[in-house]
Amino acid sequence: CIGPFGGSGGGGPLNIIVWNDYTEVQDQL
């Protein structure tokens, strides 16, 4: 499926390196 905001959803997970505070917006992303 396409993501609810037009993103290219439906693939496997994205693995990313972040600063710790990014985890606070993980659900939104």
mmCIF file of all heavy atoms, coordinates in Angstrom:
data_MODEL
# 
_entry.id   MODEL 
# 
loop_
_atom_site.group_PDB 
_atom_site.id 
_atom_site.type_symbol 
_atom_site.label_atom_id 
_atom_site.label_alt_id 
_atom_site.label_comp_id 
_atom_site.label_asym_id 
_atom_site.label_entity_id 
_atom_site.label_seq_id 
_atom_site.pdbx_PDB_ins_code 
_atom_site.Cartn_x 
_atom_site.Cartn_y 
_atom_site.Cartn_z 
_atom_site.occupancy 
_atom_site.B_iso_or_equiv 
_atom_site.pdbx_formal_charge 
_atom_site.auth_seq_id 
_atom_site.auth_comp_id 
_atom_site.auth_asym_id 
_atom_site.auth_atom_id 
_atom_site.pdbx_PDB_model_num 
ATOM 1   N N   . CYS A 1 1  ? 0.823  -1.205 0.000  1.00 0.00 ? 1  CYS A N   1 
ATOM 2   C CA  . CYS A 1 1  ? 0.000  0.000  0.000  1.00 0.00 ? 1  CYS A CA  1 
ATOM 3   C C   . CYS A 1 1  ? 0.855  1.253  0.000  1.00 0.00 ? 1  CYS A C   1 
ATOM 4   O O   . CYS A 1 1  ? 1.978  1.258  0.471  1.00 0.00 ? 1  CYS A O   1 
ATOM 5   C CB  . CYS A 1 1  ? -0.914 0.033  1.232  1.00 0.00 ? 1  CYS A CB  1 
ATOM 6   S SG  . CYS A 1 1  ? -2.111 -1.319 1.249  1.00 0.00 ? 1  CYS A SG  1 
ATOM 7   N N   . ILE A 1 2  ? 0.300  2.313  -0.500 1.00 0.00 ? 2  ILE A N   1 
ATOM 8   C CA  . ILE A 1 2  ? 0.950  3.612  -0.419 1.00 0.00 ? 2  ILE A CA  1 
ATOM 9   C C   . ILE A 1 2  ? 0.692  4.184  0.959  1.00 0.00 ? 2  ILE A C   1 
ATOM 10  O O   . ILE A 1 2  ? -0.393 4.052  1.513  1.00 0.00 ? 2  ILE A O   1 
ATOM 11  C CB  . ILE A 1 2  ? 0.393  4.570  -1.499 1.00 0.00 ? 2  ILE A CB  1 
ATOM 12  C CG1 . ILE A 1 2  ? 0.638  3.983  -2.888 1.00 0.00 ? 2  ILE A CG1 1 
ATOM 13  C CG2 . ILE A 1 2  ? 1.025  5.942  -1.379 1.00 0.00 ? 2  ILE A CG2 1 
ATOM 14  C CD1 . ILE A 1 2  ? 2.100  3.776  -3.225 1.00 0.00 ? 2  ILE A CD1 1 
ATOM 15  N N   . GLY A 1 3  ? 1.706  4.838  1.529  1.00 0.00 ? 3  GLY A N   1 
ATOM 16  C CA  . GLY A 1 3  ? 1.561  5.426  2.850  1.00 0.00 ? 3  GLY A CA  1 
ATOM 17  C C   . GLY A 1 3  ? 0.436  6.432  2.880  1.00 0.00 ? 3  GLY A C   1 
ATOM 18  O O   . GLY A 1 3  ? 0.082  7.019  1.852  1.00 0.00 ? 3  GLY A O   1 
ATOM 19  N N   . PRO A 1 4  ? -0.174 6.678  4.046  1.00 0.00 ? 4  PRO A N   1 
ATOM 20  C CA  . PRO A 1 4  ? -1.332 7.552  4.162  1.00 0.00 ? 4  PRO A CA  1 
ATOM 21  C C   . PRO A 1 4  ? -1.050 8.986  3.763  1.00 0.00 ? 4  PRO A C   1 
ATOM 22  O O   . PRO A 1 4  ? -1.965 9.744  3.485  1.00 0.00 ? 4  PRO A O   1 
ATOM 23  C CB  . PRO A 1 4  ? -1.692 7.450  5.656  1.00 0.00 ? 4  PRO A CB  1 
ATOM 24  C CG  . PRO A 1 4  ? -0.431 6.996  6.328  1.00 0.00 ? 4  PRO A CG  1 
ATOM 25  C CD  . PRO A 1 4  ? 0.234  6.119  5.333  1.00 0.00 ? 4  PRO A CD  1 
ATOM 26  N N   . PHE A 1 5  ? 0.233  9.405  3.715  1.00 0.00 ? 5  PHE A N   1 
ATOM 27  C CA  . PHE A 1 5  ? 0.558  10.766 3.336  1.00 0.00 ? 5  PHE A CA  1 
ATOM 28  C C   . PHE A 1 5  ? 1.308  10.796 2.005  1.00 0.00 ? 5  PHE A C   1 
ATOM 29  O O   . PHE A 1 5  ? 2.044  11.723 1.716  1.00 0.00 ? 5  PHE A O   1 
ATOM 30  C CB  . PHE A 1 5  ? 1.382  11.454 4.426  1.00 0.00 ? 5  PHE A CB  1 
ATOM 31  C CG  . PHE A 1 5  ? 0.593  11.695 5.679  1.00 0.00 ? 5  PHE A CG  1 
ATOM 32  C CD1 . PHE A 1 5  ? 0.525  10.725 6.671  1.00 0.00 ? 5  PHE A CD1 1 
ATOM 33  C CD2 . PHE A 1 5  ? -0.114 12.870 5.850  1.00 0.00 ? 5  PHE A CD2 1 
ATOM 34  C CE1 . PHE A 1 5  ? -0.208 10.946 7.822  1.00 0.00 ? 5  PHE A CE1 1 
ATOM 35  C CE2 . PHE A 1 5  ? -0.854 13.090 6.994  1.00 0.00 ? 5  PHE A CE2 1 
ATOM 36  C CZ  . PHE A 1 5  ? -0.900 12.132 7.987  1.00 0.00 ? 5  PHE A CZ  1 
ATOM 37  N N   . GLY A 1 6  ? 1.137  9.752  1.204  1.00 0.00 ? 6  GLY A N   1 
ATOM 38  C CA  . GLY A 1 6  ? 1.732  9.749  -0.116 1.00 0.00 ? 6  GLY A CA  1 
ATOM 39  C C   . GLY A 1 6  ? 3.116  9.144  -0.166 1.00 0.00 ? 6  GLY A C   1 
ATOM 40  O O   . GLY A 1 6  ? 3.769  9.173  -1.196 1.00 0.00 ? 6  GLY A O   1 
ATOM 41  N N   . GLY A 1 7  ? 3.603  8.594  0.942  1.00 0.00 ? 7  GLY A N   1 
ATOM 42  C CA  . GLY A 1 7  ? 4.930  7.988  0.955  1.00 0.00 ? 7  GLY A CA  1 
ATOM 43  C C   . GLY A 1 7  ? 4.938  6.679  0.196  1.00 0.00 ? 7  GLY A C   1 
ATOM 44  O O   . GLY A 1 7  ? 3.896  6.108  -0.114 1.00 0.00 ? 7  GLY A O   1 
ATOM 45  N N   . SER A 1 8  ? 6.141  6.201  -0.111 1.00 0.00 ? 8  SER A N   1 
ATOM 46  C CA  . SER A 1 8  ? 6.252  4.945  -0.860 1.00 0.00 ? 8  SER A CA  1 
ATOM 47  C C   . SER A 1 8  ? 6.220  3.784  0.116  1.00 0.00 ? 8  SER A C   1 
ATOM 48  O O   . SER A 1 8  ? 7.217  3.123  0.352  1.00 0.00 ? 8  SER A O   1 
ATOM 49  C CB  . SER A 1 8  ? 7.550  4.934  -1.673 1.00 0.00 ? 8  SER A CB  1 
ATOM 50  O OG  . SER A 1 8  ? 8.662  5.194  -0.859 1.00 0.00 ? 8  SER A OG  1 
ATOM 51  N N   . GLY A 1 9  ? 5.057  3.546  0.736  1.00 0.00 ? 9  GLY A N   1 
ATOM 52  C CA  . GLY A 1 9  ? 4.922  2.508  1.744  1.00 0.00 ? 9  GLY A CA  1 
ATOM 53  C C   . GLY A 1 9  ? 4.873  1.127  1.128  1.00 0.00 ? 9  GLY A C   1 
ATOM 54  O O   . GLY A 1 9  ? 4.872  0.949  -0.081 1.00 0.00 ? 9  GLY A O   1 
ATOM 55  N N   . GLY A 1 10 ? 4.831  0.110  2.007  1.00 0.00 ? 10 GLY A N   1 
ATOM 56  C CA  . GLY A 1 10 ? 4.650  -1.240 1.535  1.00 0.00 ? 10 GLY A CA  1 
ATOM 57  C C   . GLY A 1 10 ? 5.904  -2.056 1.411  1.00 0.00 ? 10 GLY A C   1 
ATOM 58  O O   . GLY A 1 10 ? 5.820  -3.248 1.180  1.00 0.00 ? 10 GLY A O   1 
ATOM 59  N N   . GLY A 1 11 ? 7.084  -1.441 1.554  1.00 0.00 ? 11 GLY A N   1 
ATOM 60  C CA  . GLY A 1 11 ? 8.316  -2.190 1.467  1.00 0.00 ? 11 GLY A CA  1 
ATOM 61  C C   . GLY A 1 11 ? 8.764  -2.669 2.828  1.00 0.00 ? 11 GLY A C   1 
ATOM 62  O O   . GLY A 1 11 ? 8.038  -2.617 3.814  1.00 0.00 ? 11 GLY A O   1 
ATOM 63  N N   . GLY A 1 12 ? 9.987  -3.153 2.875  1.00 0.00 ? 12 GLY A N   1 
ATOM 64  C CA  . GLY A 1 12 ? 10.549 -3.604 4.134  1.00 0.00 ? 12 GLY A CA  1 
ATOM 65  C C   . GLY A 1 12 ? 10.903 -2.432 5.026  1.00 0.00 ? 12 GLY A C   1 
ATOM 66  O O   . GLY A 1 12 ? 10.724 -1.266 4.667  1.00 0.00 ? 12 GLY A O   1 
ATOM 67  N N   . PRO A 1 13 ? 11.438 -2.707 6.208  1.00 0.00 ? 13 PRO A N   1 
ATOM 68  C CA  . PRO A 1 13 ? 11.766 -1.649 7.147  1.00 0.00 ? 13 PRO A CA  1 
ATOM 69  C C   . PRO A 1 13 ? 12.932 -0.787 6.661  1.00 0.00 ? 13 PRO A C   1 
ATOM 70  O O   . PRO A 1 13 ? 13.777 -1.244 5.890  1.00 0.00 ? 13 PRO A O   1 
ATOM 71  C CB  . PRO A 1 13 ? 12.140 -2.411 8.420  1.00 0.00 ? 13 PRO A CB  1 
ATOM 72  C CG  . PRO A 1 13 ? 12.611 -3.745 7.934  1.00 0.00 ? 13 PRO A CG  1 
ATOM 73  C CD  . PRO A 1 13 ? 11.753 -4.052 6.742  1.00 0.00 ? 13 PRO A CD  1 
ATOM 74  N N   . LEU A 1 14 ? 12.947 0.447  7.113  1.00 0.00 ? 14 LEU A N   1 
ATOM 75  C CA  . LEU A 1 14 ? 14.080 1.333  6.884  1.00 0.00 ? 14 LEU A CA  1 
ATOM 76  C C   . LEU A 1 14 ? 14.935 1.325  8.142  1.00 0.00 ? 14 LEU A C   1 
ATOM 77  O O   . LEU A 1 14 ? 14.419 1.508  9.248  1.00 0.00 ? 14 LEU A O   1 
ATOM 78  C CB  . LEU A 1 14 ? 13.602 2.756  6.570  1.00 0.00 ? 14 LEU A CB  1 
ATOM 79  C CG  . LEU A 1 14 ? 12.748 2.926  5.316  1.00 0.00 ? 14 LEU A CG  1 
ATOM 80  C CD1 . LEU A 1 14 ? 12.306 4.382  5.166  1.00 0.00 ? 14 LEU A CD1 1 
ATOM 81  C CD2 . LEU A 1 14 ? 13.501 2.469  4.081  1.00 0.00 ? 14 LEU A CD2 1 
ATOM 82  N N   . ASN A 1 15 ? 16.214 1.125  7.975  1.00 0.00 ? 15 ASN A N   1 
ATOM 83  C CA  . ASN A 1 15 ? 17.145 1.085  9.101  1.00 0.00 ? 15 ASN A CA  1 
ATOM 84  C C   . ASN A 1 15 ? 17.989 2.350  9.082  1.00 0.00 ? 15 ASN A C   1 
ATOM 85  O O   . ASN A 1 15 ? 18.733 2.579  8.116  1.00 0.00 ? 15 ASN A O   1 
ATOM 86  C CB  . ASN A 1 15 ? 18.036 -0.159 9.007  1.00 0.00 ? 15 ASN A CB  1 
ATOM 87  C CG  . ASN A 1 15 ? 17.219 -1.436 9.010  1.00 0.00 ? 15 ASN A CG  1 
ATOM 88  O OD1 . ASN A 1 15 ? 16.386 -1.657 9.882  1.00 0.00 ? 15 ASN A OD1 1 
ATOM 89  N ND2 . ASN A 1 15 ? 17.438 -2.287 8.013  1.00 0.00 ? 15 ASN A ND2 1 
ATOM 90  N N   . ILE A 1 16 ? 17.867 3.158  10.126 1.00 0.00 ? 16 ILE A N   1 
ATOM 91  C CA  . ILE A 1 16 ? 18.524 4.451  10.094 1.00 0.00 ? 16 ILE A CA  1 
ATOM 92  C C   . ILE A 1 16 ? 19.265 4.727  11.407 1.00 0.00 ? 16 ILE A C   1 
ATOM 93  O O   . ILE A 1 16 ? 18.905 4.201  12.463 1.00 0.00 ? 16 ILE A O   1 
ATOM 94  C CB  . ILE A 1 16 ? 17.515 5.590  9.808  1.00 0.00 ? 16 ILE A CB  1 
ATOM 95  C CG1 . ILE A 1 16 ? 16.536 5.781  10.968 1.00 0.00 ? 16 ILE A CG1 1 
ATOM 96  C CG2 . ILE A 1 16 ? 16.742 5.291  8.527  1.00 0.00 ? 16 ILE A CG2 1 
ATOM 97  C CD1 . ILE A 1 16 ? 15.591 6.965  10.785 1.00 0.00 ? 16 ILE A CD1 1 
ATOM 98  N N   . ILE A 1 17 ? 20.319 5.538  11.305 1.00 0.00 ? 17 ILE A N   1 
ATOM 99  C CA  . ILE A 1 17 ? 21.076 5.973  12.471 1.00 0.00 ? 17 ILE A CA  1 
ATOM 100 C C   . ILE A 1 17 ? 20.671 7.405  12.787 1.00 0.00 ? 17 ILE A C   1 
ATOM 101 O O   . ILE A 1 17 ? 20.706 8.273  11.910 1.00 0.00 ? 17 ILE A O   1 
ATOM 102 C CB  . ILE A 1 17 ? 22.592 5.899  12.218 1.00 0.00 ? 17 ILE A CB  1 
ATOM 103 C CG1 . ILE A 1 17 ? 23.008 4.463  11.882 1.00 0.00 ? 17 ILE A CG1 1 
ATOM 104 C CG2 . ILE A 1 17 ? 23.361 6.389  13.433 1.00 0.00 ? 17 ILE A CG2 1 
ATOM 105 C CD1 . ILE A 1 17 ? 24.478 4.315  11.534 1.00 0.00 ? 17 ILE A CD1 1 
ATOM 106 N N   . VAL A 1 18 ? 20.287 7.641  14.030 1.00 0.00 ? 18 VAL A N   1 
ATOM 107 C CA  . VAL A 1 18 ? 19.740 8.939  14.417 1.00 0.00 ? 18 VAL A CA  1 
ATOM 108 C C   . VAL A 1 18 ? 20.337 9.406  15.741 1.00 0.00 ? 18 VAL A C   1 
ATOM 109 O O   . VAL A 1 18 ? 21.001 8.655  16.448 1.00 0.00 ? 18 VAL A O   1 
ATOM 110 C CB  . VAL A 1 18 ? 18.204 8.870  14.571 1.00 0.00 ? 18 VAL A CB  1 
ATOM 111 C CG1 . VAL A 1 18 ? 17.528 8.550  13.254 1.00 0.00 ? 18 VAL A CG1 1 
ATOM 112 C CG2 . VAL A 1 18 ? 17.815 7.847  15.644 1.00 0.00 ? 18 VAL A CG2 1 
ATOM 113 N N   . TRP A 1 19 ? 20.053 10.658 16.079 1.00 0.00 ? 19 TRP A N   1 
ATOM 114 C CA  . TRP A 1 19 ? 20.264 11.155 17.435 1.00 0.00 ? 19 TRP A CA  1 
ATOM 115 C C   . TRP A 1 19 ? 19.091 10.668 18.283 1.00 0.00 ? 19 TRP A C   1 
ATOM 116 O O   . TRP A 1 19 ? 17.979 10.454 17.780 1.00 0.00 ? 19 TRP A O   1 
ATOM 117 C CB  . TRP A 1 19 ? 20.329 12.685 17.441 1.00 0.00 ? 19 TRP A CB  1 
ATOM 118 C CG  . TRP A 1 19 ? 21.382 13.225 16.519 1.00 0.00 ? 19 TRP A CG  1 
ATOM 119 C CD1 . TRP A 1 19 ? 21.188 13.742 15.268 1.00 0.00 ? 19 TRP A CD1 1 
ATOM 120 C CD2 . TRP A 1 19 ? 22.797 13.268 16.750 1.00 0.00 ? 19 TRP A CD2 1 
ATOM 121 N NE1 . TRP A 1 19 ? 22.391 14.106 14.716 1.00 0.00 ? 19 TRP A NE1 1 
ATOM 122 C CE2 . TRP A 1 19 ? 23.400 13.831 15.596 1.00 0.00 ? 19 TRP A CE2 1 
ATOM 123 C CE3 . TRP A 1 19 ? 23.612 12.896 17.825 1.00 0.00 ? 19 TRP A CE3 1 
ATOM 124 C CZ2 . TRP A 1 19 ? 24.772 14.020 15.490 1.00 0.00 ? 19 TRP A CZ2 1 
ATOM 125 C CZ3 . TRP A 1 19 ? 24.979 13.088 17.715 1.00 0.00 ? 19 TRP A CZ3 1 
ATOM 126 C CH2 . TRP A 1 19 ? 25.547 13.652 16.563 1.00 0.00 ? 19 TRP A CH2 1 
ATOM 127 N N   . ASN A 1 20 ? 19.303 10.508 19.571 1.00 0.00 ? 20 ASN A N   1 
ATOM 128 C CA  . ASN A 1 20 ? 18.305 9.848  20.422 1.00 0.00 ? 20 ASN A CA  1 
ATOM 129 C C   . ASN A 1 20 ? 16.924 10.481 20.369 1.00 0.00 ? 20 ASN A C   1 
ATOM 130 O O   . ASN A 1 20 ? 15.911 9.786  20.438 1.00 0.00 ? 20 ASN A O   1 
ATOM 131 C CB  . ASN A 1 20 ? 18.797 9.822  21.875 1.00 0.00 ? 20 ASN A CB  1 
ATOM 132 C CG  . ASN A 1 20 ? 19.938 8.845  22.082 1.00 0.00 ? 20 ASN A CG  1 
ATOM 133 O OD1 . ASN A 1 20 ? 19.996 7.807  21.436 1.00 0.00 ? 20 ASN A OD1 1 
ATOM 134 N ND2 . ASN A 1 20 ? 20.856 9.171  22.967 1.00 0.00 ? 20 ASN A ND2 1 
ATOM 135 N N   . ASP A 1 21 ? 16.861 11.806 20.260 1.00 0.00 ? 21 ASP A N   1 
ATOM 136 C CA  . ASP A 1 21 ? 15.546 12.450 20.345 1.00 0.00 ? 21 ASP A CA  1 
ATOM 137 C C   . ASP A 1 21 ? 14.665 12.157 19.132 1.00 0.00 ? 21 ASP A C   1 
ATOM 138 O O   . ASP A 1 21 ? 13.452 12.371 19.192 1.00 0.00 ? 21 ASP A O   1 
ATOM 139 C CB  . ASP A 1 21 ? 15.693 13.961 20.555 1.00 0.00 ? 21 ASP A CB  1 
ATOM 140 C CG  . ASP A 1 21 ? 16.739 14.585 19.662 1.00 0.00 ? 21 ASP A CG  1 
ATOM 141 O OD1 . ASP A 1 21 ? 16.473 14.726 18.455 1.00 0.00 ? 21 ASP A OD1 1 
ATOM 142 O OD2 . ASP A 1 21 ? 17.817 14.932 20.170 1.00 0.00 ? 21 ASP A OD2 1 
ATOM 143 N N   . TYR A 1 22 ? 15.241 11.660 18.044 1.00 0.00 ? 22 TYR A N   1 
ATOM 144 C CA  . TYR A 1 22 ? 14.411 11.289 16.895 1.00 0.00 ? 22 TYR A CA  1 
ATOM 145 C C   . TYR A 1 22 ? 13.460 10.148 17.240 1.00 0.00 ? 22 TYR A C   1 
ATOM 146 O O   . TYR A 1 22 ? 12.417 9.992  16.593 1.00 0.00 ? 22 TYR A O   1 
ATOM 147 C CB  . TYR A 1 22 ? 15.290 10.896 15.705 1.00 0.00 ? 22 TYR A CB  1 
ATOM 148 C CG  . TYR A 1 22 ? 15.719 12.084 14.873 1.00 0.00 ? 22 TYR A CG  1 
ATOM 149 C CD1 . TYR A 1 22 ? 16.791 12.875 15.271 1.00 0.00 ? 22 TYR A CD1 1 
ATOM 150 C CD2 . TYR A 1 22 ? 15.060 12.421 13.698 1.00 0.00 ? 22 TYR A CD2 1 
ATOM 151 C CE1 . TYR A 1 22 ? 17.193 13.971 14.533 1.00 0.00 ? 22 TYR A CE1 1 
ATOM 152 C CE2 . TYR A 1 22 ? 15.448 13.512 12.949 1.00 0.00 ? 22 TYR A CE2 1 
ATOM 153 C CZ  . TYR A 1 22 ? 16.517 14.286 13.361 1.00 0.00 ? 22 TYR A CZ  1 
ATOM 154 O OH  . TYR A 1 22 ? 16.902 15.383 12.619 1.00 0.00 ? 22 TYR A OH  1 
ATOM 155 N N   . THR A 1 23 ? 13.810 9.343  18.232 1.00 0.00 ? 23 THR A N   1 
ATOM 156 C CA  . THR A 1 23 ? 12.937 8.235  18.599 1.00 0.00 ? 23 THR A CA  1 
ATOM 157 C C   . THR A 1 23 ? 11.594 8.740  19.124 1.00 0.00 ? 23 THR A C   1 
ATOM 158 O O   . THR A 1 23 ? 10.616 8.003  19.134 1.00 0.00 ? 23 THR A O   1 
ATOM 159 C CB  . THR A 1 23 ? 13.602 7.344  19.663 1.00 0.00 ? 23 THR A CB  1 
ATOM 160 O OG1 . THR A 1 23 ? 13.838 8.094  20.864 1.00 0.00 ? 23 THR A OG1 1 
ATOM 161 C CG2 . THR A 1 23 ? 14.923 6.787  19.149 1.00 0.00 ? 23 THR A CG2 1 
ATOM 162 N N   . GLU A 1 24 ? 11.538 10.004 19.553 1.00 0.00 ? 24 GLU A N   1 
ATOM 163 C CA  . GLU A 1 24 ? 10.290 10.558 20.073 1.00 0.00 ? 24 GLU A CA  1 
ATOM 164 C C   . GLU A 1 24 ? 9.267  10.827 18.976 1.00 0.00 ? 24 GLU A C   1 
ATOM 165 O O   . GLU A 1 24 ? 8.090  11.038 19.275 1.00 0.00 ? 24 GLU A O   1 
ATOM 166 C CB  . GLU A 1 24 ? 10.574 11.833 20.876 1.00 0.00 ? 24 GLU A CB  1 
ATOM 167 C CG  . GLU A 1 24 ? 11.449 11.584 22.103 1.00 0.00 ? 24 GLU A CG  1 
ATOM 168 C CD  . GLU A 1 24 ? 11.617 12.819 22.968 1.00 0.00 ? 24 GLU A CD  1 
ATOM 169 O OE1 . GLU A 1 24 ? 10.699 13.680 22.985 1.00 0.00 ? 24 GLU A OE1 1 
ATOM 170 O OE2 . GLU A 1 24 ? 12.661 12.941 23.628 1.00 0.00 ? 24 GLU A OE2 1 
ATOM 171 N N   . VAL A 1 25 ? 9.712  10.866 17.720 1.00 0.00 ? 25 VAL A N   1 
ATOM 172 C CA  . VAL A 1 25 ? 8.773  11.072 16.611 1.00 0.00 ? 25 VAL A CA  1 
ATOM 173 C C   . VAL A 1 25 ? 8.756  9.860  15.677 1.00 0.00 ? 25 VAL A C   1 
ATOM 174 O O   . VAL A 1 25 ? 8.336  9.952  14.531 1.00 0.00 ? 25 VAL A O   1 
ATOM 175 C CB  . VAL A 1 25 ? 9.119  12.357 15.818 1.00 0.00 ? 25 VAL A CB  1 
ATOM 176 C CG1 . VAL A 1 25 ? 8.998  13.585 16.702 1.00 0.00 ? 25 VAL A CG1 1 
ATOM 177 C CG2 . VAL A 1 25 ? 10.505 12.270 15.203 1.00 0.00 ? 25 VAL A CG2 1 
ATOM 178 N N   . GLN A 1 26 ? 9.179  8.737  16.182 1.00 0.00 ? 26 GLN A N   1 
ATOM 179 C CA  . GLN A 1 26 ? 9.261  7.528  15.357 1.00 0.00 ? 26 GLN A CA  1 
ATOM 180 C C   . GLN A 1 26 ? 7.890  7.130  14.807 1.00 0.00 ? 26 GLN A C   1 
ATOM 181 O O   . GLN A 1 26 ? 7.747  6.828  13.617 1.00 0.00 ? 26 GLN A O   1 
ATOM 182 C CB  . GLN A 1 26 ? 9.855  6.385  16.173 1.00 0.00 ? 26 GLN A CB  1 
ATOM 183 C CG  . GLN A 1 26 ? 10.081 5.109  15.375 1.00 0.00 ? 26 GLN A CG  1 
ATOM 184 C CD  . GLN A 1 26 ? 10.943 4.114  16.142 1.00 0.00 ? 26 GLN A CD  1 
ATOM 185 O OE1 . GLN A 1 26 ? 11.407 4.395  17.225 1.00 0.00 ? 26 GLN A OE1 1 
ATOM 186 N NE2 . GLN A 1 26 ? 11.142 2.937  15.573 1.00 0.00 ? 26 GLN A NE2 1 
ATOM 187 N N   . ASP A 1 27 ? 6.880  7.126  15.645 1.00 0.00 ? 27 ASP A N   1 
ATOM 188 C CA  . ASP A 1 27 ? 5.548  6.729  15.204 1.00 0.00 ? 27 ASP A CA  1 
ATOM 189 C C   . ASP A 1 27 ? 5.039  7.650  14.094 1.00 0.00 ? 27 ASP A C   1 
ATOM 190 O O   . ASP A 1 27 ? 4.453  7.191  13.105 1.00 0.00 ? 27 ASP A O   1 
ATOM 191 C CB  . ASP A 1 27 ? 4.560  6.753  16.374 1.00 0.00 ? 27 ASP A CB  1 
ATOM 192 C CG  . ASP A 1 27 ? 4.845  5.662  17.394 1.00 0.00 ? 27 ASP A CG  1 
ATOM 193 O OD1 . ASP A 1 27 ? 5.509  4.672  17.039 1.00 0.00 ? 27 ASP A OD1 1 
ATOM 194 O OD2 . ASP A 1 27 ? 4.410  5.814  18.554 1.00 0.00 ? 27 ASP A OD2 1 
ATOM 195 N N   . GLN A 1 28 ? 5.246  8.956  14.256 1.00 0.00 ? 28 GLN A N   1 
ATOM 196 C CA  . GLN A 1 28 ? 4.776  9.922  13.269 1.00 0.00 ? 28 GLN A CA  1 
ATOM 197 C C   . GLN A 1 28 ? 5.488  9.731  11.932 1.00 0.00 ? 28 GLN A C   1 
ATOM 198 O O   . GLN A 1 28 ? 4.870  9.827  10.864 1.00 0.00 ? 28 GLN A O   1 
ATOM 199 C CB  . GLN A 1 28 ? 4.991  11.350 13.778 1.00 0.00 ? 28 GLN A CB  1 
ATOM 200 C CG  . GLN A 1 28 ? 4.167  11.697 15.015 1.00 0.00 ? 28 GLN A CG  1 
ATOM 201 C CD  . GLN A 1 28 ? 4.900  11.396 16.312 1.00 0.00 ? 28 GLN A CD  1 
ATOM 202 O OE1 . GLN A 1 28 ? 5.596  10.382 16.429 1.00 0.00 ? 28 GLN A OE1 1 
ATOM 203 N NE2 . GLN A 1 28 ? 4.735  12.266 17.293 1.00 0.00 ? 28 GLN A NE2 1 
ATOM 204 N N   . LEU A 1 29 ? 6.789  9.464  11.985 1.00 0.00 ? 29 LEU A N   1 
ATOM 205 C CA  . LEU A 1 29 ? 7.547  9.253  10.752 1.00 0.00 ? 29 LEU A CA  1 
ATOM 206 C C   . LEU A 1 29 ? 7.103  7.974  10.054 1.00 0.00 ? 29 LEU A C   1 
ATOM 207 O O   . LEU A 1 29 ? 6.969  7.932  8.829  1.00 0.00 ? 29 LEU A O   1 
ATOM 208 C CB  . LEU A 1 29 ? 9.041  9.196  11.059 1.00 0.00 ? 29 LEU A CB  1 
ATOM 209 C CG  . LEU A 1 29 ? 9.686  10.521 11.491 1.00 0.00 ? 29 LEU A CG  1 
ATOM 210 C CD1 . LEU A 1 29 ? 11.116 10.294 11.956 1.00 0.00 ? 29 LEU A CD1 1 
ATOM 211 C CD2 . LEU A 1 29 ? 9.656  11.543 10.357 1.00 0.00 ? 29 LEU A CD2 1 
# 
